[in-house]
């Protein structure tokens, strides 16, 4: 019979060895003993693998601190799946103390939350996300956990390598509409200071250079939704509407900057392919204004 003690090392090895998200969580069937069974070493390995995946140097962000034992408690909670014991296990998890700690938590939690046929419930998934601010920053935070993720972004942007890493991660295609909405809020937050605005341009530039077809497709689909040309099933239409709202919101910070600081955009010669996105943003603004006008005149 397999136990939590058996499952935790298997989860850590799984999180470090799977090349892509989406792989199913390892089952609870006990496997043969493994020579690399030391959980503390497996946590350090997971931190190193996650750093390599994010193209960070060693030590990551010039922080030589160890990964610590908190990722072991997260893995134990995943092994327990649900219930009071899993909750008490997570109650023992303290705030991250080092870059390796952040990375090990993210390496595990991100893999668990994106696993195929995820076998952890919503309550546990939310709790895991609360204890992994890097996962919340790069995807979308748990409800009420926005500020720790924003503070982490500030820290990363103050480090040259952290800035490059978070720019690449936040410009990649988001997993859900909520993730895209979260990113639009971050971009809006950094549009006031001239130096910070350069990071906002960096995100859009990186997104369009490396993921242009994705954002072009999302933008075209959003235009179709906002112009009322969809005719799918209700569930399909709801999903399309959520993506359309999120996509138009994602373009809005750039639209604001283009209007207020046109010379800054002209200086960004690599920022191309954004015209359709700006049209979408303005179409959404006009649609919202029209709805408000109709609501007023209907009273």
Protein backbone atom coordinates (compact mmCIF):
# COMPACT_ATOMS: atom_id res chain seq x y z
CA UNK A 1 0.00 0.00 0.00
CA UNK A 2 1.42 3.37 -0.98
CA UNK A 3 1.76 6.18 1.58
CA UNK A 4 2.25 9.93 1.53
CA UNK A 5 5.92 9.27 2.27
CA UNK A 6 6.12 7.23 -0.94
CA UNK A 7 4.07 9.66 -3.02
CA UNK A 8 5.87 12.91 -2.17
CA UNK A 9 9.19 11.93 -3.85
CA UNK A 10 7.29 10.62 -6.86
CA UNK A 11 5.44 13.95 -7.19
CA UNK A 12 8.68 15.91 -6.97
CA UNK A 13 10.38 13.72 -9.59
CA UNK A 14 7.31 14.00 -11.81
CA UNK A 15 7.27 17.81 -11.58
CA UNK A 16 10.97 17.98 -12.43
CA UNK A 17 10.99 15.40 -15.22
CA UNK A 18 7.89 16.13 -17.28
CA UNK A 19 8.95 18.38 -20.19
CA UNK A 20 5.55 20.02 -20.69
CA UNK A 21 2.48 20.89 -18.70
CA UNK A 22 -0.56 18.69 -19.18
CA UNK A 23 1.00 15.37 -18.13
CA UNK A 24 -1.28 13.46 -15.74
CA UNK A 25 -0.45 13.41 -12.05
CA UNK A 26 1.33 10.22 -11.01
CA UNK A 27 -1.02 7.66 -9.54
CA UNK A 28 -0.94 6.50 -5.96
CA UNK A 29 0.22 3.00 -6.79
CA UNK A 30 3.50 2.33 -5.04
CA UNK A 31 6.42 2.00 -7.41
CA UNK A 32 9.86 0.41 -6.96
CA UNK A 33 12.31 2.22 -4.66
CA UNK A 34 14.31 4.95 -6.36
CA UNK A 35 17.95 5.83 -5.63
CA UNK A 36 17.10 9.56 -5.65
CA UNK A 37 14.55 9.27 -2.86
CA UNK A 38 15.92 12.01 -0.56
CA UNK A 39 13.07 14.58 -0.56
CA UNK A 40 15.32 17.54 0.32
CA UNK A 41 17.58 16.78 -2.66
CA UNK A 42 14.54 16.34 -4.90
CA UNK A 43 13.28 19.81 -3.89
CA UNK A 44 16.65 21.35 -4.77
CA UNK A 45 16.62 19.50 -8.08
CA UNK A 46 13.11 20.76 -8.84
CA UNK A 47 14.22 24.33 -8.10
CA UNK A 48 17.21 23.94 -10.45
CA UNK A 49 15.09 22.43 -13.23
CA UNK A 50 12.47 25.17 -12.92
CA UNK A 51 15.21 27.83 -13.05
CA UNK A 52 16.60 26.23 -16.20
CA UNK A 53 13.14 26.12 -17.78
CA UNK A 54 12.83 29.85 -17.10
CA UNK A 55 16.38 30.47 -18.38
CA UNK A 56 17.65 31.75 -15.05
CA UNK A 57 21.28 31.56 -14.01
CA UNK A 58 22.68 29.74 -10.99
CA UNK A 59 22.16 31.02 -8.37
CA UNK A 60 18.83 32.35 -9.63
CA UNK A 61 18.44 36.11 -9.28
CA UNK A 62 21.79 36.17 -7.43
CA UNK A 63 20.13 34.53 -4.43
CA UNK A 64 22.15 31.57 -3.07
CA UNK A 65 19.52 30.64 -0.46
CA UNK A 66 18.26 27.04 -0.33
CA UNK A 67 14.86 25.88 -1.52
CA UNK A 68 13.88 24.86 1.99
CA UNK A 69 11.22 22.40 3.05
CA UNK A 70 8.00 24.26 2.20
CA UNK A 71 7.72 22.57 -1.25
CA UNK A 72 7.71 19.23 0.60
CA UNK A 73 4.62 20.30 2.52
CA UNK A 74 2.94 21.38 -0.72
CA UNK A 75 3.74 17.99 -2.25
CA UNK A 76 2.39 16.26 0.86
CA UNK A 77 -0.88 18.20 0.56
CA UNK A 78 -1.15 17.12 -3.09
CA UNK A 79 -0.49 13.52 -2.06
CA UNK A 80 -3.28 13.76 0.55
CA UNK A 81 -5.51 15.44 -2.08
CA UNK A 82 -8.28 16.87 0.16
CA UNK A 83 -9.57 16.95 3.69
CA UNK A 84 -8.59 18.34 7.10
CA UNK A 85 -5.14 16.73 7.09
CA UNK A 86 -4.23 18.38 3.77
CA UNK A 87 -5.47 21.72 5.10
CA UNK A 88 -3.43 21.38 8.30
CA UNK A 89 -0.39 20.51 6.24
CA UNK A 90 -0.72 23.72 4.23
CA UNK A 91 -1.27 25.73 7.42
CA UNK A 92 2.36 24.95 8.24
CA UNK A 93 3.69 26.54 5.03
CA UNK A 94 5.41 29.88 5.59
CA UNK A 95 6.14 32.62 3.05
CA UNK A 96 8.90 31.95 0.48
CA UNK A 97 12.37 32.76 1.79
CA UNK A 98 14.54 32.51 -1.31
CA UNK A 99 14.46 32.46 -5.11
CA UNK A 100 14.93 28.68 -5.11
CA UNK A 101 11.99 28.35 -2.72
CA UNK A 102 9.81 30.37 -5.12
CA UNK A 103 10.97 28.30 -8.08
CA UNK A 104 10.48 24.91 -6.42
CA UNK A 105 6.95 25.86 -5.37
CA UNK A 106 6.15 27.09 -8.86
CA UNK A 107 7.67 24.00 -10.47
CA UNK A 108 5.33 21.78 -8.47
CA UNK A 109 2.15 23.89 -8.24
CA UNK A 110 2.11 24.94 -11.89
CA UNK A 111 2.52 21.31 -12.97
CA UNK A 112 -0.26 20.16 -10.64
CA UNK A 113 -2.72 22.87 -11.71
CA UNK A 114 -2.14 22.20 -15.41
CA UNK A 115 -2.05 18.41 -15.16
CA UNK A 116 -4.27 16.41 -17.47
CA UNK A 117 -7.43 15.23 -15.69
CA UNK A 118 -6.41 17.19 -12.60
CA UNK A 119 -7.33 15.17 -9.54
CA UNK A 120 -7.12 17.93 -6.95
CA UNK A 121 -10.26 19.81 -6.04
CA UNK A 122 -10.89 23.53 -6.36
CA UNK A 123 -10.30 24.18 -2.65
CA UNK A 124 -6.88 22.52 -2.66
CA UNK A 125 -5.94 24.11 -5.98
CA UNK A 126 -6.72 27.57 -4.55
CA UNK A 127 -4.74 26.83 -1.38
CA UNK A 128 -1.73 25.65 -3.38
CA UNK A 129 -1.89 28.79 -5.51
CA UNK A 130 -1.90 30.98 -2.39
CA UNK A 131 1.40 29.42 -1.35
CA UNK A 132 3.06 29.86 -4.75
CA UNK A 133 3.13 33.58 -5.59
CA UNK A 134 5.23 33.01 -8.70
CA UNK A 135 2.52 30.73 -10.11
CA UNK A 136 -0.10 33.35 -9.27
CA UNK A 137 1.94 36.08 -10.94
CA UNK A 138 2.51 34.16 -14.16
CA UNK A 139 -1.02 32.74 -14.40
CA UNK A 140 -3.64 34.42 -12.19
CA UNK A 141 -3.63 34.79 -8.40
CA UNK A 142 -6.02 33.17 -6.00
CA UNK A 143 -8.90 35.49 -5.01
CA UNK A 144 -7.61 38.24 -2.73
CA UNK A 145 -3.95 37.43 -3.36
CA UNK A 146 -3.24 40.12 -5.95
CA UNK A 147 -0.91 42.26 -3.83
CA UNK A 148 1.75 39.59 -3.02
CA UNK A 149 1.98 38.82 -6.73
CA UNK A 150 2.35 42.51 -7.61
CA UNK A 151 5.08 42.89 -5.00
CA UNK A 152 6.88 39.89 -6.48
CA UNK A 153 6.68 41.47 -9.93
CA UNK A 154 8.25 44.65 -8.55
CA UNK A 155 11.13 42.57 -7.17
CA UNK A 156 11.65 40.72 -10.43
CA UNK A 157 11.60 43.91 -12.49
CA UNK A 158 14.37 45.34 -10.30
CA UNK A 159 16.70 42.51 -11.37
CA UNK A 160 17.90 42.43 -15.02
CA UNK A 161 17.53 38.67 -15.38
CA UNK A 162 14.24 38.68 -13.48
CA UNK A 163 12.97 41.37 -15.82
CA UNK A 164 13.82 39.32 -18.90
CA UNK A 165 12.25 36.21 -17.42
CA UNK A 166 8.98 37.80 -16.36
CA UNK A 167 8.71 39.67 -19.67
CA UNK A 168 8.97 36.41 -21.60
CA UNK A 169 6.54 34.61 -19.29
CA UNK A 170 3.87 37.33 -19.29
CA UNK A 171 4.03 37.77 -23.06
CA UNK A 172 3.37 34.07 -23.73
CA UNK A 173 -0.20 32.94 -24.53
CA UNK A 174 -2.28 32.92 -21.34
CA UNK A 175 -3.96 29.72 -20.23
CA UNK A 176 -7.37 31.25 -19.43
CA UNK A 177 -9.32 34.49 -19.90
CA UNK A 178 -8.75 35.23 -16.21
CA UNK A 179 -4.99 35.04 -16.77
CA UNK A 180 -5.26 37.48 -19.67
CA UNK A 181 -7.36 39.88 -17.59
CA UNK A 182 -4.82 39.68 -14.77
CA UNK A 183 -2.02 40.57 -17.18
CA UNK A 184 -3.96 43.52 -18.57
CA UNK A 185 -4.28 44.84 -15.04
CA UNK A 186 -0.52 44.52 -14.50
CA UNK A 187 0.22 46.35 -17.74
CA UNK A 188 -2.17 49.15 -16.77
CA UNK A 189 -0.44 49.49 -13.41
CA UNK A 190 2.95 50.16 -15.01
CA UNK A 191 1.91 52.77 -17.56
CA UNK A 192 2.44 55.92 -15.49
CA UNK A 193 6.20 56.16 -14.96
CA UNK A 194 8.31 56.69 -18.15
CA UNK A 195 10.84 53.99 -17.20
CA UNK A 196 8.12 51.51 -16.25
CA UNK A 197 6.28 52.17 -19.50
CA UNK A 198 9.27 50.77 -21.35
CA UNK A 199 8.57 47.43 -19.70
CA UNK A 200 4.96 47.58 -20.89
CA UNK A 201 6.20 48.13 -24.45
CA UNK A 202 8.64 45.22 -23.96
CA UNK A 203 5.78 42.87 -23.09
CA UNK A 204 3.71 43.78 -26.15
CA UNK A 205 6.76 43.71 -28.39
CA UNK A 206 7.82 40.27 -27.13
CA UNK A 207 4.26 38.94 -27.39
CA UNK A 208 3.91 40.02 -31.02
CA UNK A 209 7.41 38.96 -32.07
CA UNK A 210 7.23 35.48 -30.56
CA UNK A 211 3.50 34.75 -30.36
CA UNK A 212 2.04 37.00 -33.05
CA UNK A 213 -0.23 34.38 -34.69
CA UNK A 214 -1.84 33.57 -31.34
CA UNK A 215 -2.66 37.19 -30.50
CA UNK A 216 -3.81 37.86 -34.05
CA UNK A 217 -6.22 34.91 -33.87
CA UNK A 218 -7.56 35.96 -30.46
CA UNK A 219 -8.04 39.53 -31.68
CA UNK A 220 -9.92 38.47 -34.83
CA UNK A 221 -12.17 36.20 -32.78
CA UNK A 222 -12.86 39.03 -30.34
CA UNK A 223 -13.82 41.39 -33.14
CA UNK A 224 -16.25 38.76 -34.40
CA UNK A 225 -17.82 38.48 -30.95
CA UNK A 226 -18.08 42.23 -30.37
CA UNK A 227 -19.64 42.82 -33.78
CA UNK A 228 -22.28 40.18 -33.06
CA UNK A 229 -21.25 37.72 -35.73
CA UNK A 230 -21.10 34.59 -33.55
CA UNK A 231 -23.78 31.97 -33.82
CA UNK A 232 -22.48 28.99 -31.86
CA UNK A 233 -23.90 27.00 -28.98
CA UNK A 234 -24.56 28.96 -25.75
CA UNK A 235 -21.56 27.45 -23.91
CA UNK A 236 -19.32 28.17 -26.88
CA UNK A 237 -20.61 31.73 -27.08
CA UNK A 238 -19.98 32.27 -23.35
CA UNK A 239 -16.40 31.06 -23.69
CA UNK A 240 -15.88 33.20 -26.78
CA UNK A 241 -17.31 36.24 -24.98
CA UNK A 242 -14.98 35.71 -22.02
CA UNK A 243 -11.95 35.54 -24.32
CA UNK A 244 -13.19 38.55 -26.30
CA UNK A 245 -13.52 40.69 -23.17
CA UNK A 246 -10.13 39.56 -21.90
CA UNK A 247 -8.42 40.16 -25.25
CA UNK A 248 -9.83 43.65 -25.67
CA UNK A 249 -8.78 44.47 -22.09
CA UNK A 250 -5.27 43.16 -22.81
CA UNK A 251 -4.88 45.65 -25.66
CA UNK A 252 -6.28 48.61 -23.72
CA UNK A 253 -3.09 49.66 -21.86
CA UNK A 254 -1.23 49.91 -25.16
CA UNK A 255 -4.13 51.84 -26.69
CA UNK A 256 -3.94 54.36 -23.83
CA UNK A 257 -0.18 54.75 -24.27
CA UNK A 258 -0.47 55.22 -28.03
CA UNK A 259 -2.96 58.04 -27.51
CA UNK A 260 -1.02 59.78 -24.74
CA UNK A 261 2.59 59.16 -25.77
CA UNK A 262 2.67 58.63 -29.56
CA UNK A 263 6.38 59.51 -29.80
CA UNK A 264 7.26 56.64 -27.47
CA UNK A 265 5.55 54.13 -29.73
CA UNK A 266 7.29 55.52 -32.82
CA UNK A 267 10.61 54.92 -31.08
CA UNK A 268 9.79 51.22 -30.65
CA UNK A 269 10.58 50.08 -34.18
CA UNK A 270 10.22 46.38 -33.32
CA UNK A 271 6.70 46.81 -31.99
CA UNK A 272 4.61 45.84 -35.00
CA UNK A 273 1.32 44.12 -35.67
CA UNK A 274 -0.62 45.93 -32.99
CA UNK A 275 -2.99 47.91 -35.23
CA UNK A 276 -5.81 45.34 -35.13
CA UNK A 277 -5.52 45.18 -31.35
CA UNK A 278 -5.90 48.93 -31.03
CA UNK A 279 -8.99 48.80 -33.24
CA UNK A 280 -10.42 46.08 -31.01
CA UNK A 281 -9.77 48.14 -27.88
CA UNK A 282 -11.56 51.13 -29.37
CA UNK A 283 -14.43 48.98 -30.62
CA UNK A 284 -14.90 47.71 -27.06
CA UNK A 285 -14.87 51.27 -25.67
CA UNK A 286 -17.53 52.35 -28.18
CA UNK A 287 -19.64 49.28 -27.40
CA UNK A 288 -19.48 50.01 -23.68
CA UNK A 289 -20.39 53.67 -24.25
CA UNK A 290 -23.36 52.62 -26.38
CA UNK A 291 -24.59 50.22 -23.69
CA UNK A 292 -24.37 52.95 -21.07
CA UNK A 293 -26.27 55.36 -23.31
CA UNK A 294 -29.01 52.82 -23.92
CA UNK A 295 -29.27 52.17 -20.17
CA UNK A 296 -29.68 55.88 -19.47
CA UNK A 297 -32.27 56.45 -22.20
CA UNK A 298 -34.24 53.38 -21.08
CA UNK A 299 -34.88 54.81 -17.61
